[in-house]
Amino acid sequence: VIEDLNSTNGTFINARRVRKRTVQVGDLIRIGKTRFKLEKQSADLLAHDQKDFDAMLCTGEK
Protein backbone atom coordinates (compact mmCIF):
# COMPACT_ATOMS: atom_id res chain seq x y z
CA VAL A 1 0.00 0.00 0.00
CA ILE A 2 1.25 3.46 -0.86
CA GLU A 3 -0.18 6.57 0.79
CA ASP A 4 0.37 10.25 0.08
CA LEU A 5 0.43 12.24 3.31
CA ASN A 6 -0.76 15.52 1.73
CA SER A 7 2.51 16.15 -0.10
CA THR A 8 2.92 19.21 -2.29
CA ASN A 9 4.02 17.34 -5.43
CA GLY A 10 1.70 14.37 -5.05
CA THR A 11 1.98 10.62 -5.46
CA PHE A 12 1.06 9.06 -8.80
CA ILE A 13 0.47 5.47 -9.87
CA ASN A 14 0.25 4.89 -13.62
CA ALA A 15 -0.05 8.67 -14.19
CA ARG A 16 -3.03 9.05 -11.83
CA ARG A 17 -2.74 11.00 -8.60
CA VAL A 18 -3.58 8.85 -5.58
CA ARG A 19 -4.08 9.42 -1.88
CA LYS A 20 -3.90 5.75 -0.84
CA ARG A 21 -3.77 2.66 -3.02
CA THR A 22 -2.51 -0.90 -3.12
CA VAL A 23 0.29 -1.19 -5.66
CA GLN A 24 0.70 -4.10 -8.02
CA VAL A 25 3.58 -5.57 -10.00
CA GLY A 26 4.09 -3.47 -13.11
CA ASP A 27 2.77 -0.22 -11.62
CA LEU A 28 4.66 2.95 -12.55
CA ILE A 29 5.05 5.06 -9.42
CA ARG A 30 6.04 8.72 -9.22
CA ILE A 31 6.66 10.49 -5.92
CA GLY A 32 7.66 14.09 -6.55
CA LYS A 33 10.37 13.93 -9.24
CA THR A 34 11.31 10.31 -8.46
CA ARG A 35 9.92 7.59 -10.73
CA PHE A 36 10.16 3.83 -10.46
CA LYS A 37 8.44 0.64 -11.55
CA LEU A 38 7.35 -2.07 -9.13
CA GLU A 39 8.76 -5.39 -10.30
CA LYS A 40 8.47 -8.91 -9.01
CA GLN A 41 11.53 -10.55 -7.44
CA SER A 42 12.27 -14.23 -7.20
CA ALA A 43 11.87 -15.94 -3.82
CA ASP A 44 15.66 -16.46 -3.66
CA LEU A 45 16.32 -12.72 -3.99
CA LEU A 46 13.69 -11.90 -1.40
CA ALA A 47 15.24 -14.34 1.09
CA HIS A 48 18.70 -12.86 0.43
CA ASP A 49 17.42 -9.30 0.88
CA GLN A 50 15.69 -10.26 4.14
CA LYS A 51 18.92 -11.78 5.52
CA ASP A 52 20.83 -8.58 4.66
CA PHE A 53 18.11 -6.47 6.27
CA ASP A 54 18.08 -8.62 9.42
CA ALA A 55 21.89 -8.41 9.64
CA MET A 56 21.76 -4.63 9.28
CA LEU A 57 19.22 -4.39 12.12
CA CYS A 58 21.39 -6.54 14.39
CA THR A 59 24.61 -4.63 13.69
CA GLY A 60 23.14 -1.15 13.29
CA GLU A 61 24.83 -0.71 9.88
CA LYS A 62 23.41 1.74 7.35
C-alpha atoms as a PDB file:
ATOM      1  CA  VAL A   1       0.000   0.000   0.000  1.00  0.00           C
ATOM      2  CA  ILE A   2       1.247   3.463  -0.857  1.00  0.00           C
ATOM      3  CA  GLU A   3      -0.183   6.569   0.794  1.00  0.00           C
ATOM      4  CA  ASP A   4       0.367  10.248   0.082  1.00  0.00           C
ATOM      5  CA  LEU A   5       0.429  12.243   3.313  1.00  0.00           C
ATOM      6  CA  ASN A   6      -0.764  15.516   1.732  1.00  0.00           C
ATOM      7  CA  SER A   7       2.509  16.150  -0.101  1.00  0.00           C
ATOM      8  CA  THR A   8       2.917  19.213  -2.290  1.00  0.00           C
ATOM      9  CA  ASN A   9       4.020  17.336  -5.430  1.00  0.00           C
ATOM     10  CA  GLY A  10       1.699  14.366  -5.047  1.00  0.00           C
ATOM     11  CA  THR A  11       1.979  10.622  -5.464  1.00  0.00           C
ATOM     12  CA  PHE A  12       1.058   9.059  -8.800  1.00  0.00           C
ATOM     13  CA  ILE A  13       0.471   5.471  -9.868  1.00  0.00           C
ATOM     14  CA  ASN A  14       0.251   4.886 -13.616  1.00  0.00           C
ATOM     15  CA  ALA A  15      -0.046   8.668 -14.191  1.00  0.00           C
ATOM     16  CA  ARG A  16      -3.034   9.049 -11.831  1.00  0.00           C
ATOM     17  CA  ARG A  17      -2.736  11.003  -8.604  1.00  0.00           C
ATOM     18  CA  VAL A  18      -3.579   8.848  -5.583  1.00  0.00           C
ATOM     19  CA  ARG A  19      -4.081   9.423  -1.877  1.00  0.00           C
ATOM     20  CA  LYS A  20      -3.902   5.746  -0.844  1.00  0.00           C
ATOM     21  CA  ARG A  21      -3.774   2.658  -3.018  1.00  0.00           C
ATOM     22  CA  THR A  22      -2.515  -0.904  -3.116  1.00  0.00           C
ATOM     23  CA  VAL A  23       0.293  -1.186  -5.656  1.00  0.00           C
ATOM     24  CA  GLN A  24       0.700  -4.096  -8.025  1.00  0.00           C
ATOM     25  CA  VAL A  25       3.578  -5.573  -9.996  1.00  0.00           C
ATOM     26  CA  GLY A  26       4.093  -3.473 -13.113  1.00  0.00           C
ATOM     27  CA  ASP A  27       2.765  -0.219 -11.620  1.00  0.00           C
ATOM     28  CA  LEU A  28       4.661   2.945 -12.549  1.00  0.00           C
ATOM     29  CA  ILE A  29       5.047   5.060  -9.418  1.00  0.00           C
ATOM     30  CA  ARG A  30       6.040   8.722  -9.216  1.00  0.00           C
ATOM     31  CA  ILE A  31       6.664  10.486  -5.923  1.00  0.00           C
ATOM     32  CA  GLY A  32       7.660  14.088  -6.554  1.00  0.00           C
ATOM     33  CA  LYS A  33      10.366  13.931  -9.244  1.00  0.00           C
ATOM     34  CA  THR A  34      11.306  10.309  -8.457  1.00  0.00           C
ATOM     35  CA  ARG A  35       9.916   7.590 -10.731  1.00  0.00           C
ATOM     36  CA  PHE A  36      10.163   3.834 -10.464  1.00  0.00           C
ATOM     37  CA  LYS A  37       8.440   0.638 -11.549  1.00  0.00           C
ATOM     38  CA  LEU A  38       7.352  -2.069  -9.127  1.00  0.00           C
ATOM     39  CA  GLU A  39       8.758  -5.388 -10.301  1.00  0.00           C
ATOM     40  CA  LYS A  40       8.466  -8.909  -9.007  1.00  0.00           C
ATOM     41  CA  GLN A  41      11.526 -10.549  -7.441  1.00  0.00           C
ATOM     42  CA  SER A  42      12.270 -14.233  -7.195  1.00  0.00           C
ATOM     43  CA  ALA A  43      11.865 -15.937  -3.817  1.00  0.00           C
ATOM     44  CA  ASP A  44      15.662 -16.459  -3.663  1.00  0.00           C
ATOM     45  CA  LEU A  45      16.324 -12.722  -3.995  1.00  0.00           C
ATOM     46  CA  LEU A  46      13.689 -11.896  -1.398  1.00  0.00           C
ATOM     47  CA  ALA A  47      15.244 -14.340   1.089  1.00  0.00           C
ATOM     48  CA  HIS A  48      18.704 -12.864   0.428  1.00  0.00           C
ATOM     49  CA  ASP A  49      17.418  -9.297   0.883  1.00  0.00           C
ATOM     50  CA  GLN A  50      15.691 -10.263   4.140  1.00  0.00           C
ATOM     51  CA  LYS A  51      18.917 -11.783   5.515  1.00  0.00           C
ATOM     52  CA  ASP A  52      20.826  -8.582   4.655  1.00  0.00           C
ATOM     53  CA  PHE A  53      18.109  -6.470   6.268  1.00  0.00           C
ATOM     54  CA  ASP A  54      18.081  -8.623   9.418  1.00  0.00           C
ATOM     55  CA  ALA A  55      21.893  -8.408   9.644  1.00  0.00           C
ATOM     56  CA  MET A  56      21.758  -4.627   9.276  1.00  0.00           C
ATOM     57  CA  LEU A  57      19.225  -4.386  12.120  1.00  0.00           C
ATOM     58  CA  CYS A  58      21.387  -6.538  14.392  1.00  0.00           C
ATOM     59  CA  THR A  59      24.608  -4.627  13.694  1.00  0.00           C
ATOM     60  CA  GLY A  60      23.140  -1.150  13.294  1.00  0.00           C
ATOM     61  CA  GLU A  61      24.827  -0.713   9.884  1.00  0.00           C
ATOM     62  CA  LYS A  62      23.415   1.736   7.349  1.00  0.00           C
END
